């Protein structure tokens, strides 16, 4: 894996950060869930890390938990942040809330059979095409010398990473743990520079 620094001469880096832990509420649509106290604390604890100070643009999905991830980061950097619906998590509205134990099996099916819809969910191949197109469109008008942070979700973030690595869709590429993980990729040639790492342990590339 090629390594690039984050110094003034080598800022050609994109970061993808997944939202950390959320407050699960079966009565609230999943896209409207907020971060839990733990999730908020994890973001707050990362705001002074040196790699984060290099970010010059913050882009978020339009879901509440992603907005609550991007917002404090943008505020600390003195930047606005923008939201894009096309960066949202794979559409699971057909089933609504699924308990965590059942969700694991559903996620296995989503990644394991990417060309099939699991109980009406957006297919993995379609969600991948959507986020890859959205990121490409955003980067097409972005100053490639300015580091950019995408705040989003584990599912579509994994699909984007599979595309960057030019490998088949597979859950083995999914983030570890309960969210709040980051990877980095080169804006110059779209290669992976750093794999999933918990935000509080990430030191840049």
Protein backbone atom coordinates (compact mmCIF):
# COMPACT_ATOMS: atom_id res chain seq x y z
CA UNK A 1 0.00 0.00 0.00
CA UNK A 2 1.53 3.32 -1.03
CA UNK A 3 2.08 5.81 1.78
CA UNK A 4 1.59 9.55 1.49
CA UNK A 5 2.26 12.10 4.21
CA UNK A 6 -0.15 14.78 5.30
CA UNK A 7 2.45 17.55 5.26
CA UNK A 8 2.08 20.76 3.21
CA UNK A 9 3.65 19.19 0.13
CA UNK A 10 1.55 16.01 0.06
CA UNK A 11 -2.08 16.74 0.93
CA UNK A 12 -3.67 14.56 -1.78
CA UNK A 13 -5.84 12.60 0.63
CA UNK A 14 -9.50 11.76 1.01
CA UNK A 15 -10.85 10.37 4.28
CA UNK A 16 -14.01 8.35 4.81
CA UNK A 17 -15.33 8.37 8.38
CA UNK A 18 -18.30 6.34 9.57
CA UNK A 19 -20.58 7.69 12.26
CA UNK A 20 -19.90 6.20 15.69
CA UNK A 21 -22.45 4.64 18.05
CA UNK A 22 -26.07 5.75 17.78
CA UNK A 23 -29.05 5.96 20.12
CA UNK A 24 -31.20 3.08 18.84
CA UNK A 25 -34.91 3.93 18.88
CA UNK A 26 -37.29 1.51 17.11
CA UNK A 27 -39.95 4.24 17.04
CA UNK A 28 -37.75 6.58 14.95
CA UNK A 29 -36.86 5.97 11.30
CA UNK A 30 -33.25 4.76 11.10
CA UNK A 31 -32.05 7.73 8.96
CA UNK A 32 -33.23 10.04 11.77
CA UNK A 33 -31.32 8.34 14.58
CA UNK A 34 -28.89 10.54 16.52
CA UNK A 35 -25.51 9.71 17.96
CA UNK A 36 -25.46 8.26 21.46
CA UNK A 37 -23.53 9.93 24.27
CA UNK A 38 -20.66 7.54 23.55
CA UNK A 39 -20.75 8.40 19.86
CA UNK A 40 -20.65 12.13 20.58
CA UNK A 41 -17.81 11.67 23.05
CA UNK A 42 -15.75 9.73 20.51
CA UNK A 43 -16.07 12.50 17.93
CA UNK A 44 -15.28 15.17 20.52
CA UNK A 45 -12.20 13.23 21.59
CA UNK A 46 -10.80 13.24 18.06
CA UNK A 47 -11.22 16.94 17.27
CA UNK A 48 -7.67 17.94 18.19
CA UNK A 49 -5.84 15.15 16.37
CA UNK A 50 -3.18 16.51 14.03
CA UNK A 51 -4.34 14.75 10.86
CA UNK A 52 -7.81 16.23 11.25
CA UNK A 53 -6.40 19.76 11.25
CA UNK A 54 -5.35 19.27 7.61
CA UNK A 55 -8.96 18.84 6.39
CA UNK A 56 -10.16 21.64 4.10
CA UNK A 57 -13.61 20.34 3.11
CA UNK A 58 -16.22 18.32 4.99
CA UNK A 59 -18.98 16.43 3.17
CA UNK A 60 -21.71 14.42 4.87
CA UNK A 61 -24.56 12.12 4.03
CA UNK A 62 -27.96 13.68 4.73
CA UNK A 63 -28.77 11.28 7.58
CA UNK A 64 -28.85 12.73 11.09
CA UNK A 65 -26.12 10.55 12.60
CA UNK A 66 -23.72 11.47 9.79
CA UNK A 67 -24.57 15.15 10.15
CA UNK A 68 -23.86 14.91 13.88
CA UNK A 69 -20.50 13.37 12.99
CA UNK A 70 -19.55 15.99 10.42
CA UNK A 71 -20.91 19.02 12.28
CA UNK A 72 -18.49 19.15 15.23
CA UNK A 73 -15.52 18.47 12.96
CA UNK A 74 -16.46 21.26 10.57
CA UNK A 75 -17.12 23.61 13.49
CA UNK A 76 -13.72 22.91 15.03
CA UNK A 77 -12.04 23.59 11.68
CA UNK A 78 -14.08 26.75 11.05
CA UNK A 79 -15.51 25.23 7.88
CA UNK A 80 -19.04 24.86 6.53
CA UNK A 81 -20.11 21.35 5.68
CA UNK A 82 -22.35 20.12 2.91
CA UNK A 83 -24.77 17.23 2.75
CA UNK A 84 -25.53 14.91 -0.16
CA UNK A 85 -28.42 12.45 -0.18
CA UNK A 86 -26.50 10.21 -2.58
CA UNK A 87 -24.04 9.47 0.25
CA UNK A 88 -26.78 8.02 2.48
CA UNK A 89 -26.66 4.46 3.78
CA UNK A 90 -28.16 1.64 1.72
CA UNK A 91 -31.96 1.99 1.72
CA UNK A 92 -33.41 -0.45 4.27
CA UNK A 93 -36.82 1.18 4.61
CA UNK A 94 -38.60 -1.91 3.25
CA UNK A 95 -38.04 -3.72 6.54
CA UNK A 96 -37.82 -0.84 8.99
CA UNK A 97 -36.05 -1.43 12.29
CA UNK A 98 -34.32 -4.78 12.70
CA UNK A 99 -32.97 -5.92 16.05
CA UNK A 100 -29.16 -6.01 16.25
CA UNK A 101 -29.00 -9.82 16.37
CA UNK A 102 -31.11 -10.17 13.22
CA UNK A 103 -29.32 -7.29 11.51
CA UNK A 104 -26.04 -9.22 11.40
CA UNK A 105 -27.61 -11.98 9.31
CA UNK A 106 -29.27 -9.38 7.09
CA UNK A 107 -25.94 -7.62 6.52
CA UNK A 108 -24.34 -10.95 5.64
CA UNK A 109 -27.01 -11.45 2.98
CA UNK A 110 -26.67 -7.87 1.69
CA UNK A 111 -22.93 -8.21 1.11
CA UNK A 112 -22.99 -11.91 0.27
CA UNK A 113 -25.45 -11.62 -2.61
CA UNK A 114 -24.85 -8.08 -3.89
CA UNK A 115 -27.04 -8.45 -6.98
CA UNK A 116 -30.07 -9.56 -4.97
CA UNK A 117 -32.37 -7.47 -2.80
CA UNK A 118 -32.77 -8.77 0.74
CA UNK A 119 -36.46 -8.31 1.64
CA UNK A 120 -36.75 -5.16 -0.44
CA UNK A 121 -33.48 -3.50 0.59
CA UNK A 122 -31.51 -1.52 -1.96
CA UNK A 123 -29.15 -3.97 -3.65
CA UNK A 124 -25.48 -3.69 -2.78
CA UNK A 125 -24.52 -3.23 -6.43
CA UNK A 126 -26.95 -0.31 -6.72
CA UNK A 127 -25.82 1.30 -3.48
CA UNK A 128 -22.22 0.95 -4.60
CA UNK A 129 -22.90 2.56 -7.97
CA UNK A 130 -24.70 5.40 -6.20
CA UNK A 131 -21.95 6.27 -3.74
CA UNK A 132 -19.11 5.78 -6.24
CA UNK A 133 -20.87 8.15 -8.65
CA UNK A 134 -21.55 10.67 -5.88
CA UNK A 135 -17.96 10.71 -4.65
CA UNK A 136 -16.62 10.96 -8.19
CA UNK A 137 -18.96 13.86 -8.91
CA UNK A 138 -17.93 15.70 -5.73
CA UNK A 139 -14.24 15.18 -6.44
CA UNK A 140 -14.60 16.27 -10.07
CA UNK A 141 -15.05 19.87 -8.91
CA UNK A 142 -12.81 19.63 -5.84
CA UNK A 143 -9.34 21.12 -5.54
CA UNK A 144 -7.33 17.90 -5.46
CA UNK A 145 -4.61 19.53 -3.34
CA UNK A 146 -7.06 20.01 -0.46
CA UNK A 147 -7.74 17.08 1.92
CA UNK A 148 -11.42 16.21 2.11
CA UNK A 149 -13.42 14.27 4.70
CA UNK A 150 -16.55 12.29 3.89
CA UNK A 151 -18.78 11.48 6.89
CA UNK A 152 -21.07 8.56 6.25
CA UNK A 153 -21.96 4.97 7.01
CA UNK A 154 -20.46 1.53 7.34
CA UNK A 155 -22.38 -0.15 4.55
CA UNK A 156 -21.85 2.28 1.69
CA UNK A 157 -18.41 3.15 3.04
CA UNK A 158 -17.45 -0.49 2.64
CA UNK A 159 -18.91 -0.57 -0.87
CA UNK A 160 -16.85 2.50 -1.78
CA UNK A 161 -13.73 0.90 -0.30
CA UNK A 162 -14.29 -2.27 -2.34
CA UNK A 163 -14.42 -0.09 -5.45
CA UNK A 164 -11.25 1.78 -4.46
CA UNK A 165 -9.45 -1.52 -3.88
CA UNK A 166 -10.91 -2.97 -7.09
CA UNK A 167 -12.15 -6.09 -5.29
CA UNK A 168 -15.55 -7.82 -5.25
CA UNK A 169 -18.15 -6.70 -2.74
CA UNK A 170 -17.61 -8.68 0.46
CA UNK A 171 -18.44 -8.23 4.11
CA UNK A 172 -14.88 -9.14 4.98
CA UNK A 173 -14.08 -5.57 3.87
CA UNK A 174 -16.58 -4.13 6.37
CA UNK A 175 -15.52 -1.94 9.29
CA UNK A 176 -14.81 -3.52 12.66
CA UNK A 177 -16.77 -2.73 15.79
CA UNK A 178 -19.70 -0.39 16.08
CA UNK A 179 -18.71 2.49 13.83
CA UNK A 180 -16.52 5.52 14.22
CA UNK A 181 -13.86 4.10 11.90
CA UNK A 182 -11.90 5.82 9.16
CA UNK A 183 -9.93 4.92 6.06
CA UNK A 184 -7.88 7.09 3.72
CA UNK A 185 -7.41 7.07 -0.04
CA UNK A 186 -5.34 8.97 -2.56
CA UNK A 187 -7.13 11.68 -4.50
CA UNK A 188 -4.47 11.41 -7.19
CA UNK A 189 -5.04 7.79 -8.18
CA UNK A 190 -7.87 6.58 -5.88
CA UNK A 191 -5.77 3.95 -4.12
CA UNK A 192 -6.23 2.96 -0.49
CA UNK A 193 -3.67 4.58 1.84
CA UNK A 194 -4.94 3.41 5.24
CA UNK A 195 -7.48 0.73 6.09
CA UNK A 196 -10.29 0.92 8.67
CA UNK A 197 -9.00 2.34 11.95
CA UNK A 198 -10.93 3.56 15.00
CA UNK A 199 -10.98 7.34 14.93
CA UNK A 200 -9.35 7.66 18.35
CA UNK A 201 -6.44 5.47 17.17
CA UNK A 202 -5.96 6.99 13.72
CA UNK A 203 -2.77 9.03 13.32
CA UNK A 204 -2.98 9.90 9.62
CA UNK A 205 -1.08 8.31 6.75
